[in-house]
Amino acid sequence: MNFGAVLCTVVGLGLLGFAVRESAVVGRLRRHGVRTWGVVVDNVRTNDREGPKWIPVIAFTDRSGHRVEFSPRLQGSGMGLATGREVEVVYLAANPGTARVRMWRHVVGPLVFLIFGGAVFLGVGVFIALTS
């Protein structure tokens, strides 16, 4: 069997595994999530191959009165949030680290990205295996 086919298949299955995990978290957030309001307190600049981008940092207070800060999982163009903007946040009471901005693009976007990426890699792996 071709090494490229195996590698693409493993990466595809890994991404689909992460998608299953993310789907479980999103499901728990929908059923048991605590909703509150947070504020975008900063936008941190990072650099990658495509140049600089800004990642929002959202702060909220959990049920215990602790300040929690987090950044959205999916980042890129169209995902930014202006500093000072109030956003609805959902998190699990037992684990505020699961917090997500309660917008479709921030809750479901990472899941869609993982499923699409996993399907592409898996498809390429199968294609390579069949044409080798």
N, C-alpha and C. Protein backbone atom coordinates (compact mmCIF):
# COMPACT_ATOMS: atom_id res chain seq x y z
N MET A 1 0.85 -1.19 0.00
CA MET A 1 0.00 0.00 0.00
C MET A 1 0.89 1.24 0.00
N ASN A 2 0.45 2.25 -0.65
CA ASN A 2 1.18 3.51 -0.81
C ASN A 2 1.21 4.29 0.51
N PHE A 3 2.39 4.84 0.85
CA PHE A 3 2.55 5.62 2.09
C PHE A 3 1.64 6.84 2.09
N GLY A 4 1.50 7.51 0.95
CA GLY A 4 0.64 8.69 0.85
C GLY A 4 -0.81 8.36 1.15
N ALA A 5 -1.27 7.21 0.68
CA ALA A 5 -2.65 6.79 0.94
C ALA A 5 -2.86 6.54 2.43
N VAL A 6 -1.90 5.88 3.05
CA VAL A 6 -2.01 5.61 4.48
C VAL A 6 -1.99 6.91 5.27
N LEU A 7 -1.08 7.80 4.93
CA LEU A 7 -0.96 9.07 5.64
C LEU A 7 -2.24 9.89 5.52
N CYS A 8 -2.77 10.03 4.31
CA CYS A 8 -4.02 10.79 4.12
C CYS A 8 -5.18 10.15 4.86
N THR A 9 -5.24 8.83 4.84
CA THR A 9 -6.32 8.13 5.53
C THR A 9 -6.23 8.35 7.04
N VAL A 10 -5.02 8.25 7.60
CA VAL A 10 -4.83 8.46 9.04
C VAL A 10 -5.20 9.90 9.43
N VAL A 11 -4.75 10.89 8.64
CA VAL A 11 -5.08 12.28 8.92
C VAL A 11 -6.59 12.49 8.82
N GLY A 12 -7.21 11.93 7.80
CA GLY A 12 -8.66 12.06 7.63
C GLY A 12 -9.43 11.45 8.79
N LEU A 13 -9.02 10.27 9.22
CA LEU A 13 -9.69 9.64 10.36
C LEU A 13 -9.45 10.43 11.65
N GLY A 14 -8.25 10.99 11.80
CA GLY A 14 -7.97 11.82 12.97
C GLY A 14 -8.85 13.05 13.01
N LEU A 15 -8.99 13.73 11.88
CA LEU A 15 -9.85 14.91 11.82
C LEU A 15 -11.31 14.55 12.09
N LEU A 16 -11.75 13.41 11.56
CA LEU A 16 -13.13 12.98 11.83
C LEU A 16 -13.30 12.61 13.30
N GLY A 17 -12.26 12.06 13.93
CA GLY A 17 -12.31 11.78 15.36
C GLY A 17 -12.43 13.05 16.18
N PHE A 18 -11.66 14.08 15.81
CA PHE A 18 -11.79 15.38 16.47
C PHE A 18 -13.18 15.96 16.24
N ALA A 19 -13.75 15.72 15.06
CA ALA A 19 -15.10 16.22 14.77
C ALA A 19 -16.13 15.55 15.68
N VAL A 20 -15.97 14.26 15.93
CA VAL A 20 -16.88 13.56 16.83
C VAL A 20 -16.77 14.14 18.24
N ARG A 21 -15.54 14.39 18.69
CA ARG A 21 -15.33 14.98 20.02
C ARG A 21 -15.96 16.38 20.10
N GLU A 22 -15.72 17.19 19.08
CA GLU A 22 -16.28 18.55 19.05
C GLU A 22 -17.81 18.50 19.00
N SER A 23 -18.35 17.53 18.27
CA SER A 23 -19.80 17.37 18.20
C SER A 23 -20.38 17.04 19.58
N ALA A 24 -19.68 16.21 20.34
CA ALA A 24 -20.13 15.87 21.69
C ALA A 24 -20.13 17.11 22.59
N VAL A 25 -19.08 17.93 22.48
CA VAL A 25 -19.01 19.16 23.28
C VAL A 25 -20.13 20.11 22.89
N VAL A 26 -20.36 20.28 21.60
CA VAL A 26 -21.42 21.17 21.13
C VAL A 26 -22.79 20.66 21.61
N GLY A 27 -22.99 19.35 21.56
CA GLY A 27 -24.25 18.78 22.04
C GLY A 27 -24.46 19.04 23.53
N ARG A 28 -23.40 18.85 24.32
CA ARG A 28 -23.51 19.14 25.76
C ARG A 28 -23.77 20.62 26.00
N LEU A 29 -23.13 21.49 25.22
CA LEU A 29 -23.36 22.93 25.37
C LEU A 29 -24.81 23.27 25.05
N ARG A 30 -25.37 22.66 24.04
CA ARG A 30 -26.77 22.94 23.67
C ARG A 30 -27.74 22.46 24.74
N ARG A 31 -27.45 21.28 25.33
CA ARG A 31 -28.36 20.72 26.33
C ARG A 31 -28.16 21.30 27.72
N HIS A 32 -26.90 21.45 28.12
CA HIS A 32 -26.61 21.80 29.52
C HIS A 32 -25.83 23.10 29.68
N GLY A 33 -25.58 23.79 28.59
CA GLY A 33 -24.75 24.99 28.66
C GLY A 33 -25.37 26.14 29.43
N VAL A 34 -24.51 26.86 30.11
CA VAL A 34 -24.92 28.07 30.83
C VAL A 34 -24.67 29.25 29.90
N ARG A 35 -25.68 30.06 29.72
CA ARG A 35 -25.55 31.23 28.83
C ARG A 35 -25.30 32.47 29.67
N THR A 36 -24.39 33.27 29.18
CA THR A 36 -24.08 34.54 29.84
C THR A 36 -23.56 35.49 28.77
N TRP A 37 -23.22 36.69 29.19
CA TRP A 37 -22.68 37.67 28.26
C TRP A 37 -21.21 37.90 28.57
N GLY A 38 -20.44 38.03 27.53
CA GLY A 38 -19.02 38.34 27.66
C GLY A 38 -18.69 39.57 26.85
N VAL A 39 -17.47 40.06 27.01
CA VAL A 39 -17.01 41.24 26.30
C VAL A 39 -15.69 40.90 25.62
N VAL A 40 -15.55 41.34 24.39
CA VAL A 40 -14.27 41.19 23.69
C VAL A 40 -13.32 42.21 24.30
N VAL A 41 -12.35 41.71 25.07
CA VAL A 41 -11.46 42.61 25.81
C VAL A 41 -10.18 42.94 25.05
N ASP A 42 -9.87 42.17 24.03
CA ASP A 42 -8.63 42.41 23.28
C ASP A 42 -8.70 41.67 21.97
N ASN A 43 -7.87 42.08 21.05
CA ASN A 43 -7.63 41.36 19.82
C ASN A 43 -6.12 41.21 19.71
N VAL A 44 -5.65 39.95 19.81
CA VAL A 44 -4.23 39.66 19.83
C VAL A 44 -3.75 39.42 18.41
N ARG A 45 -2.65 40.07 18.06
CA ARG A 45 -2.10 39.91 16.72
C ARG A 45 -1.19 38.69 16.67
N THR A 46 -1.41 37.87 15.66
CA THR A 46 -0.53 36.73 15.40
C THR A 46 -0.10 36.77 13.95
N ASN A 47 0.97 36.11 13.65
CA ASN A 47 1.47 36.03 12.28
C ASN A 47 1.52 34.58 11.84
N ASP A 48 1.15 34.34 10.60
CA ASP A 48 1.33 33.03 10.01
C ASP A 48 1.73 33.22 8.55
N ARG A 49 1.68 32.15 7.78
CA ARG A 49 2.11 32.23 6.38
C ARG A 49 1.34 33.26 5.58
N GLU A 50 0.10 33.49 5.94
CA GLU A 50 -0.75 34.41 5.19
C GLU A 50 -0.64 35.84 5.68
N GLY A 51 0.21 36.07 6.65
CA GLY A 51 0.38 37.41 7.19
C GLY A 51 -0.27 37.56 8.55
N PRO A 52 -0.37 38.80 9.01
CA PRO A 52 -0.93 39.02 10.36
C PRO A 52 -2.44 38.81 10.39
N LYS A 53 -2.92 38.32 11.54
CA LYS A 53 -4.35 38.24 11.77
C LYS A 53 -4.62 38.55 13.23
N TRP A 54 -5.86 38.89 13.51
CA TRP A 54 -6.25 39.30 14.86
C TRP A 54 -7.18 38.26 15.45
N ILE A 55 -6.86 37.81 16.67
CA ILE A 55 -7.65 36.81 17.36
C ILE A 55 -8.33 37.47 18.56
N PRO A 56 -9.66 37.45 18.61
CA PRO A 56 -10.36 38.08 19.73
C PRO A 56 -10.18 37.30 21.04
N VAL A 57 -10.11 38.04 22.14
CA VAL A 57 -10.07 37.46 23.48
C VAL A 57 -11.35 37.91 24.18
N ILE A 58 -12.15 36.93 24.59
CA ILE A 58 -13.44 37.23 25.22
C ILE A 58 -13.34 36.92 26.71
N ALA A 59 -13.87 37.82 27.53
CA ALA A 59 -13.88 37.62 28.98
C ALA A 59 -15.32 37.59 29.47
N PHE A 60 -15.59 36.70 30.43
CA PHE A 60 -16.90 36.63 31.07
C PHE A 60 -16.70 36.15 32.50
N THR A 61 -17.74 36.28 33.29
CA THR A 61 -17.72 35.81 34.67
C THR A 61 -18.58 34.56 34.77
N ASP A 62 -18.00 33.46 35.28
CA ASP A 62 -18.77 32.22 35.40
C ASP A 62 -19.65 32.24 36.64
N ARG A 63 -20.40 31.17 36.85
CA ARG A 63 -21.34 31.10 37.98
C ARG A 63 -20.66 31.24 39.33
N SER A 64 -19.38 30.85 39.41
CA SER A 64 -18.64 30.94 40.67
C SER A 64 -18.07 32.32 40.91
N GLY A 65 -18.25 33.22 39.96
CA GLY A 65 -17.72 34.57 40.10
C GLY A 65 -16.30 34.74 39.61
N HIS A 66 -15.75 33.71 38.95
CA HIS A 66 -14.40 33.80 38.42
C HIS A 66 -14.40 34.39 37.02
N ARG A 67 -13.41 35.20 36.75
CA ARG A 67 -13.24 35.76 35.41
C ARG A 67 -12.60 34.69 34.53
N VAL A 68 -13.18 34.47 33.38
CA VAL A 68 -12.69 33.48 32.42
C VAL A 68 -12.41 34.20 31.11
N GLU A 69 -11.25 33.95 30.53
CA GLU A 69 -10.92 34.49 29.21
C GLU A 69 -10.67 33.33 28.26
N PHE A 70 -11.11 33.50 27.03
CA PHE A 70 -10.87 32.48 26.01
C PHE A 70 -10.86 33.13 24.64
N SER A 71 -10.34 32.39 23.68
CA SER A 71 -10.36 32.80 22.27
C SER A 71 -11.15 31.77 21.49
N PRO A 72 -11.88 32.18 20.47
CA PRO A 72 -12.63 31.22 19.67
C PRO A 72 -11.71 30.19 19.04
N ARG A 73 -12.23 28.98 18.86
CA ARG A 73 -11.44 27.88 18.30
C ARG A 73 -11.11 28.10 16.82
N LEU A 74 -12.07 28.58 16.06
CA LEU A 74 -11.86 28.79 14.64
C LEU A 74 -11.50 30.25 14.42
N GLN A 75 -10.40 30.47 13.72
CA GLN A 75 -9.92 31.83 13.50
C GLN A 75 -9.68 32.04 12.02
N GLY A 76 -9.78 33.28 11.60
CA GLY A 76 -9.54 33.60 10.21
C GLY A 76 -10.45 34.73 9.77
N SER A 77 -10.45 34.98 8.48
CA SER A 77 -11.25 36.09 7.97
C SER A 77 -12.72 35.81 8.21
N GLY A 78 -13.44 36.83 8.61
CA GLY A 78 -14.86 36.70 8.89
C GLY A 78 -15.17 36.20 10.29
N MET A 79 -14.15 35.89 11.06
CA MET A 79 -14.36 35.36 12.40
C MET A 79 -14.04 36.38 13.49
N GLY A 80 -13.58 37.55 13.09
CA GLY A 80 -13.18 38.57 14.04
C GLY A 80 -14.35 39.19 14.78
N LEU A 81 -14.05 39.72 15.95
CA LEU A 81 -15.03 40.43 16.76
C LEU A 81 -14.36 41.70 17.26
N ALA A 82 -15.04 42.82 17.17
CA ALA A 82 -14.47 44.11 17.55
C ALA A 82 -14.27 44.20 19.06
N THR A 83 -13.18 44.80 19.46
CA THR A 83 -12.91 45.02 20.88
C THR A 83 -14.02 45.88 21.48
N GLY A 84 -14.51 45.47 22.66
CA GLY A 84 -15.59 46.18 23.33
C GLY A 84 -16.97 45.63 23.02
N ARG A 85 -17.07 44.77 22.04
CA ARG A 85 -18.37 44.21 21.65
C ARG A 85 -18.84 43.20 22.70
N GLU A 86 -20.12 43.26 23.05
CA GLU A 86 -20.71 42.26 23.92
C GLU A 86 -21.19 41.09 23.07
N VAL A 87 -20.87 39.88 23.52
CA VAL A 87 -21.28 38.68 22.81
C VAL A 87 -21.88 37.69 23.80
N GLU A 88 -22.83 36.90 23.32
CA GLU A 88 -23.37 35.85 24.18
C GLU A 88 -22.40 34.67 24.19
N VAL A 89 -22.20 34.12 25.38
CA VAL A 89 -21.26 33.02 25.59
C VAL A 89 -22.02 31.86 26.18
N VAL A 90 -21.66 30.64 25.80
CA VAL A 90 -22.22 29.44 26.41
C VAL A 90 -21.06 28.57 26.87
N TYR A 91 -21.20 27.99 28.08
CA TYR A 91 -20.15 27.15 28.64
C TYR A 91 -20.77 26.12 29.56
N LEU A 92 -20.02 25.08 29.88
CA LEU A 92 -20.47 24.08 30.84
C LEU A 92 -20.09 24.55 32.23
N ALA A 93 -21.04 24.51 33.17
CA ALA A 93 -20.81 25.03 34.51
C ALA A 93 -19.62 24.35 35.18
N ALA A 94 -19.44 23.06 34.95
CA ALA A 94 -18.34 22.33 35.58
C ALA A 94 -17.00 22.59 34.90
N ASN A 95 -17.03 23.14 33.67
CA ASN A 95 -15.80 23.36 32.92
C ASN A 95 -15.92 24.61 32.06
N PRO A 96 -15.67 25.80 32.64
CA PRO A 96 -15.78 27.04 31.85
C PRO A 96 -14.82 27.10 30.66
N GLY A 97 -13.82 26.22 30.65
CA GLY A 97 -12.89 26.19 29.52
C GLY A 97 -13.53 25.73 28.22
N THR A 98 -14.75 25.20 28.30
CA THR A 98 -15.47 24.77 27.10
C THR A 98 -16.20 25.93 26.43
N ALA A 99 -16.01 27.13 26.92
CA ALA A 99 -16.78 28.29 26.44
C ALA A 99 -16.67 28.49 24.94
N ARG A 100 -17.79 28.88 24.37
CA ARG A 100 -17.87 29.22 22.95
C ARG A 100 -18.69 30.50 22.84
N VAL A 101 -18.36 31.31 21.83
CA VAL A 101 -19.20 32.45 21.50
C VAL A 101 -20.46 31.86 20.89
N ARG A 102 -21.61 32.28 21.36
CA ARG A 102 -22.87 31.69 20.91
C ARG A 102 -23.33 32.31 19.60
N MET A 103 -22.56 32.02 18.56
CA MET A 103 -22.89 32.39 17.18
C MET A 103 -22.65 31.14 16.34
N TRP A 104 -23.46 30.95 15.34
CA TRP A 104 -23.33 29.76 14.51
C TRP A 104 -21.90 29.56 14.03
N ARG A 105 -21.29 30.62 13.54
CA ARG A 105 -19.96 30.48 12.95
C ARG A 105 -18.91 30.09 13.97
N HIS A 106 -19.13 30.38 15.25
CA HIS A 106 -18.15 30.03 16.28
C HIS A 106 -18.47 28.70 16.96
N VAL A 107 -19.73 28.29 16.97
CA VAL A 107 -20.09 27.03 17.62
C VAL A 107 -20.03 25.88 16.61
N VAL A 108 -20.64 26.06 15.46
CA VAL A 108 -20.72 24.98 14.48
C VAL A 108 -19.60 25.05 13.44
N GLY A 109 -19.02 26.22 13.24
CA GLY A 109 -17.96 26.39 12.24
C GLY A 109 -16.80 25.42 12.40
N PRO A 110 -16.22 25.28 13.61
CA PRO A 110 -15.12 24.33 13.77
C PRO A 110 -15.53 22.90 13.43
N LEU A 111 -16.76 22.53 13.77
CA LEU A 111 -17.25 21.19 13.48
C LEU A 111 -17.34 20.96 11.96
N VAL A 112 -17.89 21.92 11.26
CA VAL A 112 -18.00 21.82 9.80
C VAL A 112 -16.61 21.74 9.17
N PHE A 113 -15.69 22.56 9.65
CA PHE A 113 -14.33 22.56 9.13
C PHE A 113 -13.66 21.19 9.33
N LEU A 114 -13.81 20.61 10.52
CA LEU A 114 -13.21 19.30 10.80
C LEU A 114 -13.81 18.20 9.94
N ILE A 115 -15.13 18.20 9.79
CA ILE A 115 -15.79 17.18 8.96
C ILE A 115 -15.35 17.32 7.51
N PHE A 116 -15.35 18.54 7.00
CA PHE A 116 -14.95 18.77 5.61
C PHE A 116 -13.50 18.36 5.39
N GLY A 117 -12.61 18.80 6.28
CA GLY A 117 -11.19 18.45 6.15
C GLY A 117 -10.97 16.96 6.24
N GLY A 118 -11.65 16.31 7.18
CA GLY A 118 -11.52 14.86 7.32
C GLY A 118 -12.00 14.12 6.09
N ALA A 119 -13.12 14.57 5.54
CA ALA A 119 -13.66 13.93 4.33
C ALA A 119 -12.72 14.11 3.14
N VAL A 120 -12.13 15.29 3.02
CA VAL A 120 -11.20 15.54 1.91
C VAL A 120 -9.98 14.64 2.03
N PHE A 121 -9.36 14.61 3.21
CA PHE A 121 -8.17 13.76 3.39
C PHE A 121 -8.51 12.28 3.19
N LEU A 122 -9.64 11.86 3.72
CA LEU A 122 -10.05 10.45 3.55
C LEU A 122 -10.29 10.14 2.09
N GLY A 123 -10.94 11.06 1.38
CA GLY A 123 -11.18 10.87 -0.05
C GLY A 123 -9.89 10.80 -0.84
N VAL A 124 -8.94 11.68 -0.53
CA VAL A 124 -7.65 11.65 -1.22
C VAL A 124 -6.92 10.34 -0.92
N GLY A 125 -6.99 9.89 0.33
CA GLY A 125 -6.35 8.61 0.69
C GLY A 125 -6.94 7.46 -0.09
N VAL A 126 -8.25 7.42 -0.21
CA VAL A 126 -8.91 6.35 -0.98
C VAL A 126 -8.56 6.47 -2.46
N PHE A 127 -8.57 7.68 -2.97
CA PHE A 127 -8.22 7.90 -4.38
C PHE A 127 -6.80 7.41 -4.68
N ILE A 128 -5.86 7.76 -3.81
CA ILE A 128 -4.47 7.33 -4.01
C ILE A 128 -4.38 5.81 -3.96
N ALA A 129 -5.08 5.20 -2.99
CA ALA A 129 -5.04 3.75 -2.86
C ALA A 129 -5.62 3.06 -4.09
N LEU A 130 -6.69 3.60 -4.64
CA LEU A 130 -7.33 2.98 -5.79
C LEU A 130 -6.57 3.18 -7.09
N THR A 131 -5.81 4.27 -7.19
CA THR A 131 -5.10 4.54 -8.44
C THR A 131 -3.65 4.06 -8.41
N SER A 132 -3.20 3.53 -7.30
CA SER A 132 -1.81 3.05 -7.21
C SER A 132 -1.69 1.66 -7.74
